[in-house]
Protein backbone atom coordinates (compact mmCIF):
# COMPACT_ATOMS: atom_id res chain seq x y z
CA MET A 1 0.00 0.00 0.00
CA LEU A 2 1.32 3.45 -0.90
CA THR A 3 1.80 5.84 2.03
CA ASP A 4 -0.57 8.74 2.68
CA ASP A 5 2.29 11.13 1.86
CA VAL A 6 2.77 9.64 -1.62
CA ILE A 7 -0.97 9.74 -2.29
CA LYS A 8 -1.20 13.35 -1.10
CA ALA A 9 1.78 14.31 -3.27
CA GLN A 10 -0.14 13.01 -6.30
CA ILE A 11 -3.19 15.25 -5.76
CA PRO A 12 -1.78 18.15 -7.89
CA TYR A 13 -1.08 15.67 -10.71
CA THR A 14 -4.45 13.92 -10.85
CA LEU A 15 -5.68 13.46 -14.41
CA SER A 16 -9.02 15.10 -15.18
CA LYS A 17 -8.82 15.34 -18.98
CA THR A 18 -6.63 14.71 -22.00
CA ASP A 19 -6.25 16.42 -25.36
CA MET A 20 -4.46 14.25 -27.89
CA PRO A 21 -6.06 14.86 -31.32
CA TRP A 22 -3.33 12.84 -33.02
CA LEU A 23 -4.98 9.73 -31.52
CA GLY A 24 -8.14 10.30 -33.58
CA GLU A 25 -11.70 11.45 -32.96
CA LYS A 26 -12.36 12.05 -29.27
CA TYR A 27 -15.35 11.00 -27.20
CA GLU A 28 -15.29 11.94 -23.52
CA GLY A 29 -17.00 9.49 -21.19
CA LYS A 30 -17.61 9.95 -17.49
CA VAL A 31 -14.20 8.57 -16.58
CA ARG A 32 -12.54 7.50 -19.84
CA ASP A 33 -11.37 9.63 -22.76
CA ASN A 34 -11.87 7.62 -25.96
CA TYR A 35 -9.98 8.26 -29.19
CA THR A 36 -10.99 6.44 -32.37
CA LYS A 37 -8.91 6.01 -35.50
CA GLY A 38 -9.68 3.30 -38.04
CA ASP A 39 -10.51 0.01 -36.35
CA LEU A 40 -8.76 0.91 -33.08
CA ARG A 41 -9.89 2.82 -30.02
CA THR A 42 -7.52 4.25 -27.41
CA LEU A 43 -9.05 4.50 -23.94
CA VAL A 44 -7.31 6.75 -21.42
CA VAL A 45 -8.60 6.19 -17.90
CA THR A 46 -8.62 9.48 -15.98
CA ASP A 47 -8.66 9.97 -12.22
CA LYS A 48 -12.21 11.36 -12.24
CA LEU A 49 -14.68 9.78 -9.84
CA SER A 50 -18.33 9.53 -10.83
CA ALA A 51 -21.15 8.90 -8.36
CA PHE A 52 -24.89 9.56 -8.57
CA ASP A 53 -24.25 9.98 -12.33
CA ARG A 54 -22.16 13.08 -11.62
CA ILE A 55 -18.43 13.77 -11.74
CA ILE A 56 -17.54 14.34 -8.09
CA THR A 57 -13.77 14.93 -7.95
CA THR A 58 -10.43 13.39 -8.97
CA ILE A 59 -8.75 10.68 -6.90
CA PRO A 60 -4.95 10.12 -6.91
CA PHE A 61 -3.88 7.04 -8.93
CA LYS A 62 -7.51 6.03 -9.53
CA GLY A 63 -7.13 5.78 -13.31
CA GLN A 64 -4.13 3.47 -13.02
CA VAL A 65 -5.90 1.30 -10.44
CA LEU A 66 -9.01 0.98 -12.60
CA ASN A 67 -7.14 0.16 -15.77
CA GLN A 68 -4.86 -2.40 -14.15
CA ILE A 69 -7.72 -4.16 -12.36
CA ALA A 70 -9.70 -4.27 -15.62
CA MET A 71 -6.71 -5.70 -17.48
CA PHE A 72 -6.35 -8.38 -14.78
CA TRP A 73 -9.99 -9.40 -15.20
CA PHE A 74 -10.03 -9.19 -19.00
CA GLU A 75 -7.17 -11.69 -19.04
CA GLN A 76 -8.85 -13.92 -16.43
CA THR A 77 -12.19 -14.06 -18.26
CA LYS A 78 -11.30 -14.05 -21.97
CA ASN A 79 -12.24 -17.75 -22.14
CA ILE A 80 -15.77 -16.89 -20.94
CA CYS A 81 -16.42 -13.91 -23.21
CA PRO A 82 -14.26 -12.26 -25.88
CA ASN A 83 -13.20 -8.70 -25.05
CA HIS A 84 -11.92 -5.68 -26.93
CA VAL A 85 -8.34 -5.51 -25.55
CA VAL A 86 -5.48 -5.26 -28.08
CA ALA A 87 -2.63 -3.81 -25.97
CA THR A 88 -1.86 -1.84 -22.78
CA PRO A 89 1.06 0.54 -23.55
CA ASP A 90 0.57 2.57 -20.34
CA PRO A 91 -0.81 1.83 -16.84
CA ASN A 92 -3.70 4.24 -17.56
CA CYS A 93 -4.39 3.18 -21.16
CA VAL A 94 -5.71 0.36 -23.29
CA ILE A 95 -5.71 -0.01 -27.06
CA ALA A 96 -8.92 -1.78 -28.04
CA LYS A 97 -10.88 -3.00 -31.03
CA GLN A 98 -13.38 -0.42 -32.20
CA CYS A 99 -16.88 -1.61 -31.28
CA GLU A 100 -20.35 -0.15 -31.49
CA ALA A 101 -21.61 -0.04 -27.91
CA LEU A 102 -24.93 -1.76 -27.28
CA PRO A 103 -27.22 0.63 -25.32
CA VAL A 104 -27.97 -1.73 -22.41
CA GLU A 105 -25.82 -2.39 -19.35
CA MET A 106 -26.14 -5.80 -17.76
CA VAL A 107 -26.22 -5.31 -14.00
CA VAL A 108 -25.81 -8.45 -11.88
CA ARG A 109 -26.67 -8.34 -8.18
CA GLY A 110 -26.01 -10.96 -5.54
CA TYR A 111 -27.08 -8.84 -2.55
CA ILE A 112 -29.81 -6.28 -1.82
CA THR A 113 -27.97 -3.03 -1.23
CA GLY A 114 -27.17 0.37 -2.70
CA SER A 115 -27.81 4.05 -2.07
CA THR A 116 -28.73 5.49 -5.48
CA SER A 117 -32.19 5.84 -7.02
CA THR A 118 -31.44 2.94 -9.40
CA SER A 119 -30.31 0.58 -6.63
CA ILE A 120 -32.32 -2.43 -5.59
CA TRP A 121 -32.41 -1.47 -1.89
CA TYR A 122 -33.61 2.08 -2.62
CA ASN A 123 -36.52 0.67 -4.62
CA TYR A 124 -37.27 -2.12 -2.13
CA GLN A 125 -37.54 0.45 0.66
CA LYS A 126 -40.17 2.26 -1.39
CA GLY A 127 -42.27 -0.89 -1.66
CA VAL A 128 -41.09 -2.29 -4.99
CA ARG A 129 -41.39 -6.08 -4.95
CA ASN A 130 -40.67 -6.72 -8.63
CA PHE A 131 -37.41 -5.10 -9.63
CA CYS A 132 -36.58 -5.21 -13.35
CA GLY A 133 -38.65 -8.37 -13.76
CA ASN A 134 -37.26 -10.06 -10.63
CA PRO A 135 -39.85 -10.83 -7.90
CA LEU A 136 -38.58 -10.05 -4.40
CA PRO A 137 -39.93 -11.58 -1.17
CA GLU A 138 -41.06 -9.60 1.85
CA GLY A 139 -38.77 -9.18 4.85
CA LEU A 140 -35.42 -8.62 3.16
CA GLN A 141 -32.88 -6.56 5.10
CA LYS A 142 -30.33 -4.18 3.66
CA ASN A 143 -27.06 -5.88 2.56
CA GLN A 144 -28.62 -9.35 2.79
CA LYS A 145 -27.59 -11.99 0.25
CA LEU A 146 -30.26 -12.74 -2.33
CA ALA A 147 -31.48 -16.31 -2.79
CA HIS A 148 -29.65 -16.28 -6.14
CA PRO A 149 -27.97 -13.60 -8.28
CA ILE A 150 -30.31 -11.60 -10.50
CA ILE A 151 -29.89 -9.49 -13.62
CA THR A 152 -31.33 -5.97 -13.51
CA PRO A 153 -30.60 -4.31 -16.87
CA SER A 154 -30.00 -0.59 -17.14
CA THR A 155 -30.31 1.76 -20.08
CA LYS A 156 -27.26 3.85 -20.90
CA ALA A 157 -28.02 7.50 -20.14
CA ALA A 158 -26.78 10.45 -22.17
CA HIS A 159 -24.35 12.88 -20.54
CA GLY A 160 -25.97 14.49 -17.48
CA ASP A 161 -28.94 12.12 -17.38
CA HIS A 162 -29.54 9.25 -14.96
CA ASP A 163 -29.35 5.62 -16.02
CA GLU A 164 -32.70 3.78 -15.81
CA SER A 165 -33.21 0.30 -14.37
CA VAL A 166 -35.60 -1.63 -16.62
CA SER A 167 -36.82 -5.18 -17.28
CA LYS A 168 -36.05 -7.36 -20.29
CA GLU A 169 -39.63 -6.89 -21.47
CA GLU A 170 -39.31 -3.10 -21.40
CA ILE A 171 -36.05 -3.24 -23.34
CA LEU A 172 -37.55 -5.48 -26.01
CA SER A 173 -40.70 -3.35 -26.27
CA ARG A 174 -38.50 -0.32 -27.02
CA ASN A 175 -36.54 -2.26 -29.67
CA THR A 176 -33.36 -1.28 -27.85
CA VAL A 177 -31.66 -4.60 -28.69
CA SER A 178 -32.89 -7.87 -30.18
CA GLU A 179 -33.99 -10.71 -27.90
CA ALA A 180 -31.13 -12.89 -29.14
CA ASP A 181 -28.58 -10.20 -28.32
CA PHE A 182 -30.17 -9.57 -24.91
CA ASP A 183 -30.13 -13.26 -24.02
CA TYR A 184 -26.49 -13.63 -25.09
CA MET A 185 -25.41 -10.61 -23.00
CA ALA A 186 -27.43 -11.81 -20.00
CA GLU A 187 -25.91 -15.29 -20.21
CA LYS A 188 -22.35 -13.97 -20.47
CA ALA A 189 -22.94 -11.42 -17.70
CA MET A 190 -24.03 -14.14 -15.29
CA GLU A 191 -21.09 -16.39 -16.24
CA LEU A 192 -18.66 -13.49 -15.72
CA TYR A 193 -20.22 -12.58 -12.37
CA LEU A 194 -20.09 -16.14 -11.05
CA ALA A 195 -16.44 -16.43 -12.10
CA GLY A 196 -15.78 -13.17 -10.25
CA VAL A 197 -17.57 -14.43 -7.14
CA GLU A 198 -15.42 -17.57 -7.12
CA HIS A 199 -12.12 -15.71 -7.53
CA CYS A 200 -13.00 -13.03 -4.96
CA ALA A 201 -14.04 -15.64 -2.39
CA GLU A 202 -10.54 -17.10 -2.62
CA GLN A 203 -9.18 -13.62 -1.85
CA GLY A 204 -11.46 -13.11 1.18
CA ILE A 205 -13.78 -10.76 -0.71
CA ILE A 206 -17.54 -10.78 -1.24
CA PHE A 207 -18.30 -9.78 -4.84
CA VAL A 208 -21.60 -7.98 -4.27
CA ASP A 209 -22.72 -6.65 -7.63
CA THR A 210 -21.38 -5.32 -10.92
CA LYS A 211 -22.29 -4.14 -14.40
CA TYR A 212 -21.09 -5.10 -17.86
CA GLU A 213 -21.06 -3.24 -21.14
CA PHE A 214 -21.02 -4.99 -24.49
CA GLY A 215 -20.31 -3.86 -28.03
CA ARG A 216 -20.37 -5.25 -31.55
CA ASP A 217 -17.10 -5.33 -33.48
CA GLN A 218 -16.78 -4.71 -37.21
CA GLU A 219 -17.25 -8.43 -37.91
CA GLY A 220 -20.56 -8.43 -36.02
CA ASN A 221 -19.31 -10.23 -32.91
CA ILE A 222 -20.59 -9.17 -29.48
CA MET A 223 -17.77 -8.67 -26.99
CA LEU A 224 -17.11 -7.23 -23.56
CA ILE A 225 -15.99 -3.59 -23.69
CA ASP A 226 -15.18 -0.65 -21.41
CA GLU A 227 -14.12 -2.28 -18.12
CA ILE A 228 -14.79 -5.30 -15.92
CA HIS A 229 -14.96 -5.89 -12.16
CA THR A 230 -13.38 -2.58 -11.11
CA PRO A 231 -14.32 -0.52 -8.04
CA ASP A 232 -16.21 1.84 -10.39
CA SER A 233 -18.45 -0.82 -11.88
CA SER A 234 -18.60 -3.20 -8.94
CA ARG A 235 -19.15 -3.41 -5.20
CA PHE A 236 -16.82 -5.47 -2.97
CA TRP A 237 -17.06 -6.23 0.76
CA ILE A 238 -14.59 -7.78 3.19
CA ALA A 239 -15.77 -11.34 3.89
CA ASP A 240 -14.28 -11.75 7.39
CA THR A 241 -16.25 -8.88 8.95
CA TYR A 242 -19.48 -9.17 6.93
CA GLN A 243 -21.56 -11.27 9.36
CA GLN A 244 -20.60 -9.21 12.41
CA LYS A 245 -21.32 -5.94 10.65
CA ILE A 246 -24.75 -7.16 9.56
CA ALA A 247 -25.51 -8.44 13.08
CA ASN A 248 -24.61 -4.99 14.46
CA GLY A 249 -26.77 -3.22 11.90
CA GLU A 250 -23.69 -1.60 10.36
CA GLU A 251 -22.58 -1.17 6.76
CA PRO A 252 -20.19 -3.92 5.56
CA ASP A 253 -16.53 -3.02 5.22
CA ASN A 254 -16.18 -2.03 1.57
CA ILE A 255 -13.24 -1.66 -0.79
CA ASN A 256 -14.77 0.40 -3.56
CA LYS A 257 -16.09 3.88 -4.30
CA GLU A 258 -19.02 3.18 -1.97
CA TYR A 259 -16.88 4.90 0.68
CA LEU A 260 -17.21 8.27 -1.05
CA ARG A 261 -20.79 7.60 -2.12
CA LEU A 262 -21.77 6.93 1.52
CA TRP A 263 -19.79 9.98 2.66
CA LEU A 264 -21.75 12.15 0.22
CA ALA A 265 -25.06 10.57 1.28
CA ASN A 266 -24.20 11.31 4.93
CA GLN A 267 -23.70 14.95 3.94
CA GLY A 268 -27.24 14.87 2.51
CA TYR A 269 -26.12 14.76 -1.13
CA MET A 270 -27.85 12.23 -3.41
CA GLY A 271 -26.94 13.67 -6.79
CA ASP A 272 -29.13 16.77 -6.87
CA GLY A 273 -28.49 20.28 -5.58
CA GLU A 274 -25.16 21.71 -4.48
CA MET A 275 -22.36 19.21 -4.00
CA PRO A 276 -20.43 19.38 -0.69
CA ALA A 277 -16.71 20.22 -0.89
CA ILE A 278 -14.51 17.12 -1.04
CA THR A 279 -11.55 17.47 1.33
CA ASP A 280 -8.03 16.17 0.62
CA GLU A 281 -8.47 13.74 3.50
CA VAL A 282 -11.54 12.22 1.85
CA ARG A 283 -9.71 12.01 -1.50
CA ILE A 284 -6.74 10.27 0.14
CA GLU A 285 -8.97 7.79 1.97
CA THR A 286 -10.86 7.07 -1.26
CA ALA A 287 -7.55 6.49 -3.09
CA LYS A 288 -6.55 4.01 -0.39
CA LYS A 289 -9.83 2.12 -0.95
CA TYR A 290 -9.07 1.84 -4.65
CA ILE A 291 -5.49 0.70 -4.06
CA GLU A 292 -6.69 -1.78 -1.43
CA ALA A 293 -9.15 -3.14 -3.99
CA TYR A 294 -6.36 -3.69 -6.51
CA GLU A 295 -4.12 -5.46 -4.01
CA LYS A 296 -6.83 -7.63 -2.51
CA ILE A 297 -8.36 -8.62 -5.85
CA THR A 298 -5.15 -9.33 -7.76
CA GLY A 299 -2.93 -10.40 -4.87
CA LEU A 300 -0.24 -8.06 -6.24
CA PRO A 301 1.32 -4.94 -4.67
CA PHE A 302 0.25 -1.67 -6.32
CA GLN A 303 3.25 0.18 -7.69
CA ALA A 304 3.19 3.87 -8.63
CA GLU A 305 5.12 7.08 -8.09
CA ALA A 306 3.88 10.62 -7.64
CA GLY A 307 4.35 12.72 -10.74
CA PRO A 308 2.75 14.08 -13.94
CA VAL A 309 0.57 11.31 -15.32
CA LEU A 310 -0.30 13.05 -18.58
CA ASP A 311 3.32 13.45 -19.70
CA ARG A 312 3.98 9.74 -19.17
CA ILE A 313 0.81 8.71 -21.00
CA GLU A 314 1.58 10.88 -24.04
CA GLN A 315 5.12 9.52 -24.30
CA ASN A 316 4.08 5.89 -23.97
CA LEU A 317 1.31 6.24 -26.54
CA LYS A 318 3.61 7.99 -29.02
CA ASN A 319 6.14 5.18 -28.57
CA TYR A 320 3.46 2.55 -29.14
CA PHE A 321 2.03 4.06 -32.30
CA ALA A 322 5.47 4.88 -33.68
């Protein structure tokens, strides 16, 4: 684990945006800057943190953590589902096959939890007993394990809008994707999640929930794109303390961005209105959660030095494409 001093020293160098027109046409996602040229896409993972469908702040080393965790999982799961990875010339970057993103995220949930308006617990509290086509029994408690994992699809929102949790029937009625494509994505999403659950259990981690994005390559194949099983797309809890925390009516120990999301919720912020100021202490603690996630999930020490991330990225990408 990096020291607090190293993490603090990185705060002035956190990466919030890039501008590299020589990489091709740019599309700016919530966290990733995408550059497309020909049949390749370059994804640069910034240090921006998104919660409640808003950009909240930047977190030291977050982009590197996310990219390296995703690369770990892409390699682990390529036998389950093909993915878009071609090369990783920099800790914050991936060169990928150009794919047309399918406008449905496959969200897989093994536990009833969450704090956002699209979460299963938020809806259950409000009396919803059929969530995205999944019937739910009475008497469930927050953070309880579900009888079996469920898929709760989500539509991809435009910039500034909120994602929408919907059922398979609603998606098909809108002609968002074909039934064959939906079923394939749902099947692969569940296989990927169960593989993640198995690996995480060996690392002493509960793999709570996650989401997957799929795209179609130029040959018409559906493949996994964007990221997989990172602290931005997934929720992880510490297994050893889970039962005691639940018995005490406390939140499970988490190793993902839920720390900052809960901190914001405790300040009364749920995505609307004025955002509270994020202190350096909160940014450092959030960075430590991300680094902890990398080390616990992969079993490897996280290695990084404080310094200008953008300069390194530009040099590594120029070397790769040269």
